[in-house]
């Protein structure tokens, strides 16, 4: 098999899996249409300020959600520290922005990569529980970042990150970055050997090992991909607010997990795609925008989104039964 061959792992239940994908697509598609109708009919939704805010939110959550997709597809459920990693990357980007936007951006991505690769190695080599590792990493990231920054917000120097706030042919740069991330992530999953290995490991790690696939290397690579996309989100975060703070990452994990599950990626791994996550991101971002326009507080927003995620999980469970 060459480096650009994609093959879906065979299984006796593939016909049932396809049926479950179709059912999920139908349900989510109908819900998306209904949501968009409500959005268009809601005063202020199609106003320029709201659409600009929506694209910014969609891009930030979207990049983190793409990273979460790689982790979930590999059978490691999810990570609770991507939001904190994104925020820490934004602080480093802001701190180094005086040396130029490209240098600061590369440093932010390198930080996110290092943080996530370290987790991938602990999980892949030592078979540690991915949820426990992510919770421990969250505490470490918060503690170290707050200590180094003295609990202060780090501000961007000048307009070094202005390129990430610009518009190209009327399209906001963050939205273009998100679109590029979707294309790159989907390409990797569909047309590379790593994508094939990741889905096989997520589907059946024992069979993958018997087939000669190094599961720990695949796990580390999945976490590295998550770090890459999360680092990109950190750059966009620093550019959007002109600063970096650990508070900026609050809620990103919840929104990213919601988008991945609503998009149809199996919580147990081995089934899903970045493209499906993109639709989940749009669904969650539009829903959050509507809830804000209707003046609902954050707690009620979490409640409604939680119900949507619960429905997605129940749909997955019903399809497998």
Protein backbone atom coordinates (compact mmCIF):
# COMPACT_ATOMS: atom_id res chain seq x y z
CA UNK A 1 0.00 0.00 0.00
CA UNK A 2 1.56 3.33 -1.02
CA UNK A 3 1.54 6.51 1.08
CA UNK A 4 -1.56 7.90 -0.59
CA UNK A 5 -3.82 4.86 -0.55
CA UNK A 6 -6.89 4.86 1.63
CA UNK A 7 -8.80 1.73 2.46
CA UNK A 8 -11.60 1.38 4.93
CA UNK A 9 -11.13 -1.45 7.41
CA UNK A 10 -13.41 -4.36 6.59
CA UNK A 11 -15.78 -5.74 9.20
CA UNK A 12 -18.78 -8.03 9.31
CA UNK A 13 -20.96 -5.17 10.54
CA UNK A 14 -20.03 -2.70 7.79
CA UNK A 15 -23.53 -2.75 6.26
CA UNK A 16 -25.02 -1.88 9.64
CA UNK A 17 -22.40 0.83 10.09
CA UNK A 18 -23.36 2.38 6.77
CA UNK A 19 -27.00 2.30 7.83
CA UNK A 20 -26.17 4.07 11.08
CA UNK A 21 -24.21 6.73 9.19
CA UNK A 22 -27.20 7.29 6.91
CA UNK A 23 -29.58 7.56 9.86
CA UNK A 24 -27.31 10.01 11.67
CA UNK A 25 -26.87 12.07 8.51
CA UNK A 26 -30.63 12.22 7.98
CA UNK A 27 -31.38 13.27 11.57
CA UNK A 28 -28.59 15.84 11.77
CA UNK A 29 -29.44 17.13 8.29
CA UNK A 30 -33.07 17.72 9.24
CA UNK A 31 -32.00 19.37 12.50
CA UNK A 32 -29.56 21.59 10.60
CA UNK A 33 -32.23 22.73 8.16
CA UNK A 34 -34.61 23.50 11.01
CA UNK A 35 -31.89 25.39 12.88
CA UNK A 36 -30.99 27.48 9.82
CA UNK A 37 -34.65 28.36 9.25
CA UNK A 38 -34.93 29.56 12.84
CA UNK A 39 -31.65 31.47 12.43
CA UNK A 40 -32.78 33.31 9.30
CA UNK A 41 -36.07 34.24 10.98
CA UNK A 42 -34.30 35.51 14.11
CA UNK A 43 -33.82 39.31 14.10
CA UNK A 44 -30.16 40.27 14.01
CA UNK A 45 -28.78 36.90 12.99
CA UNK A 46 -27.94 37.88 9.42
CA UNK A 47 -26.58 41.28 10.45
CA UNK A 48 -22.95 41.90 9.51
CA UNK A 49 -21.62 42.18 13.10
CA UNK A 50 -23.24 38.90 14.09
CA UNK A 51 -22.01 37.08 10.98
CA UNK A 52 -18.47 38.33 11.58
CA UNK A 53 -18.63 37.15 15.19
CA UNK A 54 -20.09 33.84 14.02
CA UNK A 55 -17.27 33.18 11.54
CA UNK A 56 -14.69 33.98 14.22
CA UNK A 57 -16.28 31.59 16.71
CA UNK A 58 -16.76 28.94 14.05
CA UNK A 59 -13.09 29.13 13.04
CA UNK A 60 -11.75 28.88 16.59
CA UNK A 61 -14.00 26.05 17.70
CA UNK A 62 -13.55 24.40 14.30
CA UNK A 63 -9.77 24.13 14.44
CA UNK A 64 -9.91 22.70 17.98
CA UNK A 65 -12.68 20.29 16.90
CA UNK A 66 -10.56 19.03 13.98
CA UNK A 67 -7.82 18.21 16.47
CA UNK A 68 -10.38 16.49 18.70
CA UNK A 69 -11.52 14.43 15.70
CA UNK A 70 -8.10 12.83 15.29
CA UNK A 71 -7.99 11.90 18.98
CA UNK A 72 -11.51 10.44 18.96
CA UNK A 73 -11.02 8.53 15.71
CA UNK A 74 -7.98 6.82 17.22
CA UNK A 75 -10.12 5.35 19.99
CA UNK A 76 -9.01 7.72 22.77
CA UNK A 77 -12.49 9.20 23.26
CA UNK A 78 -11.62 12.89 23.76
CA UNK A 79 -9.31 15.35 25.48
CA UNK A 80 -10.21 17.91 28.12
CA UNK A 81 -7.07 20.01 27.68
CA UNK A 82 -7.26 21.24 24.08
CA UNK A 83 -8.92 24.49 25.17
CA UNK A 84 -6.17 25.14 27.73
CA UNK A 85 -3.51 24.22 25.17
CA UNK A 86 -5.05 26.66 22.69
CA UNK A 87 -5.10 29.41 25.33
CA UNK A 88 -1.49 28.74 26.35
CA UNK A 89 -0.45 28.89 22.70
CA UNK A 90 -2.25 32.23 22.33
CA UNK A 91 -0.30 33.60 25.30
CA UNK A 92 3.03 32.54 23.79
CA UNK A 93 2.04 33.98 20.41
CA UNK A 94 1.13 37.29 22.06
CA UNK A 95 4.37 37.29 24.07
CA UNK A 96 6.57 36.73 21.02
CA UNK A 97 4.54 38.88 18.62
CA UNK A 98 7.09 41.67 18.87
CA UNK A 99 9.49 39.49 16.87
CA UNK A 100 7.04 39.10 14.02
CA UNK A 101 3.78 37.28 13.38
CA UNK A 102 5.31 34.26 11.63
CA UNK A 103 7.85 33.59 14.38
CA UNK A 104 5.21 33.97 17.07
CA UNK A 105 2.79 31.72 15.18
CA UNK A 106 5.36 28.96 14.69
CA UNK A 107 6.27 29.14 18.38
CA UNK A 108 2.60 28.79 19.35
CA UNK A 109 2.19 25.74 17.12
CA UNK A 110 5.42 24.23 18.48
CA UNK A 111 4.16 24.63 22.04
CA UNK A 112 0.83 22.97 21.26
CA UNK A 113 2.62 20.17 19.42
CA UNK A 114 4.97 19.54 22.35
CA UNK A 115 2.12 19.46 24.87
CA UNK A 116 -0.02 17.07 22.85
CA UNK A 117 2.84 14.80 21.70
CA UNK A 118 3.86 14.36 25.35
CA UNK A 119 0.32 13.22 26.17
CA UNK A 120 0.27 10.92 23.16
CA UNK A 121 3.48 9.24 24.28
CA UNK A 122 2.18 8.69 27.82
CA UNK A 123 -1.06 7.22 26.45
CA UNK A 124 0.52 5.24 23.62
CA UNK A 125 3.58 3.85 25.38
CA UNK A 126 2.23 3.31 28.88
CA UNK A 127 -1.41 2.56 27.98
CA UNK A 128 -2.53 5.28 30.37
CA UNK A 129 -6.20 6.25 30.50
CA UNK A 130 -6.58 9.13 27.99
CA UNK A 131 -9.20 10.97 30.05
CA UNK A 132 -7.06 10.90 33.21
CA UNK A 133 -4.02 12.03 31.23
CA UNK A 134 -5.95 14.93 29.71
CA UNK A 135 -7.28 16.03 33.11
CA UNK A 136 -3.78 15.90 34.62
CA UNK A 137 -2.42 17.81 31.62
CA UNK A 138 -5.14 20.43 32.02
CA UNK A 139 -4.05 21.07 35.62
CA UNK A 140 -0.38 21.26 34.61
CA UNK A 141 -1.03 23.63 31.71
CA UNK A 142 -3.18 25.95 33.83
CA UNK A 143 -0.68 25.97 36.68
CA UNK A 144 2.43 26.56 34.58
CA UNK A 145 0.80 29.19 32.35
CA UNK A 146 -0.61 31.13 35.27
CA UNK A 147 2.73 30.98 37.09
CA UNK A 148 4.81 32.16 34.13
CA UNK A 149 2.36 34.94 33.23
CA UNK A 150 1.76 35.94 36.84
CA UNK A 151 -1.96 35.58 36.27
CA UNK A 152 -1.87 38.47 33.81
CA UNK A 153 -3.13 38.85 30.27
CA UNK A 154 -0.37 38.98 27.64
CA UNK A 155 -0.96 41.57 24.90
CA UNK A 156 0.02 41.45 21.24
CA UNK A 157 2.65 43.94 20.12
CA UNK A 158 1.51 46.30 17.37
CA UNK A 159 -0.21 44.84 14.34
CA UNK A 160 2.05 41.82 13.86
CA UNK A 161 -0.97 39.50 13.70
CA UNK A 162 -3.09 41.75 11.50
CA UNK A 163 -2.85 39.25 8.63
CA UNK A 164 -5.03 36.88 10.66
CA UNK A 165 -7.71 39.56 11.03
CA UNK A 166 -7.72 40.69 7.40
CA UNK A 167 -10.24 39.86 4.69
CA UNK A 168 -9.42 38.36 1.33
CA UNK A 169 -11.99 39.06 -1.35
CA UNK A 170 -14.39 39.87 1.46
CA UNK A 171 -13.85 36.57 3.28
CA UNK A 172 -12.42 36.80 6.83
CA UNK A 173 -8.95 35.26 7.15
CA UNK A 174 -9.95 32.99 10.10
CA UNK A 175 -12.66 31.41 7.97
CA UNK A 176 -10.15 30.73 5.20
CA UNK A 177 -7.77 29.19 7.74
CA UNK A 178 -10.56 26.95 9.01
CA UNK A 179 -11.47 25.90 5.46
CA UNK A 180 -7.82 25.06 4.76
CA UNK A 181 -7.66 23.06 8.00
CA UNK A 182 -10.75 21.07 7.00
CA UNK A 183 -9.28 20.27 3.59
CA UNK A 184 -5.92 19.29 5.05
CA UNK A 185 -7.44 17.16 7.81
CA UNK A 186 -9.82 15.36 5.46
CA UNK A 187 -7.01 14.73 2.97
CA UNK A 188 -4.83 13.17 5.66
CA UNK A 189 -7.63 10.88 6.83
CA UNK A 190 -8.73 9.77 3.38
CA UNK A 191 -5.59 9.60 1.29
CA UNK A 192 -2.61 8.85 3.54
CA UNK A 193 -1.31 5.73 5.19
CA UNK A 194 -1.53 7.45 8.57
CA UNK A 195 -5.25 8.04 8.08
CA UNK A 196 -5.76 4.38 7.23
CA UNK A 197 -3.80 3.29 10.30
CA UNK A 198 -5.64 5.70 12.59
CA UNK A 199 -9.07 4.43 11.61
CA UNK A 200 -7.94 0.82 11.86
CA UNK A 201 -6.47 1.41 15.33
CA UNK A 202 -9.66 3.15 16.42
CA UNK A 203 -11.80 0.33 15.05
CA UNK A 204 -9.82 -2.60 16.42
CA UNK A 205 -6.43 -1.95 18.07
CA UNK A 206 -5.76 -5.67 18.60
CA UNK A 207 -6.27 -6.42 14.91
CA UNK A 208 -4.11 -3.43 14.03
CA UNK A 209 -1.24 -4.78 16.12
CA UNK A 210 -1.61 -8.24 14.57
CA UNK A 211 -1.45 -6.54 11.17
CA UNK A 212 1.91 -5.01 12.06
CA UNK A 213 0.71 -1.47 12.83
CA UNK A 214 2.49 0.30 15.67
CA UNK A 215 -0.46 1.50 17.72
CA UNK A 216 1.60 3.72 20.00
CA UNK A 217 3.18 5.56 17.07
CA UNK A 218 -0.25 6.05 15.53
CA UNK A 219 -1.57 7.40 18.83
CA UNK A 220 1.34 9.83 19.14
CA UNK A 221 0.77 10.97 15.55
CA UNK A 222 -2.94 11.53 16.27
CA UNK A 223 -2.11 13.70 19.27
CA UNK A 224 0.49 15.55 17.21
CA UNK A 225 -2.20 16.33 14.62
CA UNK A 226 -4.44 17.56 17.43
CA UNK A 227 -1.62 19.78 18.67
CA UNK A 228 -1.04 21.20 15.19
CA UNK A 229 -4.66 22.26 14.69
CA UNK A 230 -4.97 23.50 18.26
CA UNK A 231 -1.85 25.62 17.80
CA UNK A 232 -3.43 27.18 14.72
CA UNK A 233 -6.49 27.98 16.83
CA UNK A 234 -4.17 29.62 19.38
CA UNK A 235 -2.83 31.95 16.70
CA UNK A 236 -6.35 32.91 15.63
CA UNK A 237 -7.31 33.43 19.27
CA UNK A 238 -4.43 35.84 19.91
CA UNK A 239 -5.16 37.69 16.67
CA UNK A 240 -8.88 38.00 17.40
CA UNK A 241 -8.54 39.47 20.90
CA UNK A 242 -5.15 41.13 20.50
CA UNK A 243 -3.95 39.28 23.58
CA UNK A 244 -3.53 35.89 25.18
CA UNK A 245 -5.11 34.61 28.38
CA UNK A 246 -5.99 31.25 29.86
CA UNK A 247 -9.56 32.46 30.23
CA UNK A 248 -9.94 32.54 26.44
CA UNK A 249 -9.86 28.75 26.21
CA UNK A 250 -12.73 28.16 28.64
CA UNK A 251 -15.52 26.18 26.99
CA UNK A 252 -13.55 25.29 23.84
CA UNK A 253 -13.24 21.63 24.82
CA UNK A 254 -16.96 21.36 25.47
CA UNK A 255 -17.86 22.98 22.16
CA UNK A 256 -15.29 20.91 20.23
CA UNK A 257 -16.48 17.63 21.77
CA UNK A 258 -20.06 18.62 20.99
CA UNK A 259 -19.20 19.35 17.36
CA UNK A 260 -17.35 16.05 16.92
CA UNK A 261 -20.19 13.97 18.35
CA UNK A 262 -22.97 15.88 16.61
CA UNK A 263 -21.01 15.51 13.36
CA UNK A 264 -21.20 11.74 13.75
CA UNK A 265 -17.72 10.63 14.76
CA UNK A 266 -18.14 7.50 16.87
CA UNK A 267 -17.25 8.09 20.51
CA UNK A 268 -15.46 4.72 20.54
CA UNK A 269 -13.33 5.62 17.51
CA UNK A 270 -12.83 4.15 14.06
CA UNK A 271 -15.70 5.95 12.35
CA UNK A 272 -16.05 9.59 11.34
CA UNK A 273 -14.30 12.30 9.37
CA UNK A 274 -13.15 15.91 9.51
CA UNK A 275 -15.81 16.84 6.98
CA UNK A 276 -18.52 15.52 9.28
CA UNK A 277 -16.97 17.45 12.15
CA UNK A 278 -17.20 20.61 10.04
CA UNK A 279 -20.98 20.23 9.85
CA UNK A 280 -21.07 19.61 13.58
CA UNK A 281 -19.07 22.81 14.13
CA UNK A 282 -21.51 24.82 12.02
CA UNK A 283 -24.43 23.35 13.94
CA UNK A 284 -22.94 24.16 17.37
CA UNK A 285 -21.73 27.64 16.34
CA UNK A 286 -25.11 28.63 14.88
CA UNK A 287 -26.89 27.27 17.93
CA UNK A 288 -24.63 29.23 20.29
CA UNK A 289 -25.19 32.39 18.25
CA UNK A 290 -28.96 31.95 18.41
CA UNK A 291 -28.92 31.36 22.15
CA UNK A 292 -26.93 34.57 22.62
CA UNK A 293 -29.32 36.53 20.43
CA UNK A 294 -32.23 35.29 22.51
CA UNK A 295 -30.45 36.49 25.65
CA UNK A 296 -30.05 33.12 27.33
CA UNK A 297 -27.34 32.93 29.99
CA UNK A 298 -24.30 30.66 29.69
CA UNK A 299 -25.66 27.98 32.01
CA UNK A 300 -28.80 27.58 29.91
CA UNK A 301 -26.69 27.46 26.76
CA UNK A 302 -24.65 24.61 28.21
CA UNK A 303 -27.88 22.82 29.15
CA UNK A 304 -29.34 22.97 25.64
CA UNK A 305 -26.10 22.03 23.91
CA UNK A 306 -25.69 19.20 26.41
CA UNK A 307 -29.11 17.88 25.46
CA UNK A 308 -28.13 17.99 21.79
CA UNK A 309 -24.94 16.04 22.51
CA UNK A 310 -26.86 13.52 24.59
CA UNK A 311 -29.27 13.02 21.70
CA UNK A 312 -26.32 12.42 19.34
CA UNK A 313 -24.84 9.82 21.70
CA UNK A 314 -28.18 8.06 22.09
CA UNK A 315 -28.55 8.01 18.31
CA UNK A 316 -25.16 6.37 17.98
CA UNK A 317 -26.02 3.80 20.66
CA UNK A 318 -29.37 3.01 19.08
CA UNK A 319 -27.74 2.53 15.68
CA UNK A 320 -25.31 -0.03 17.10
CA UNK A 321 -27.93 -2.02 18.97
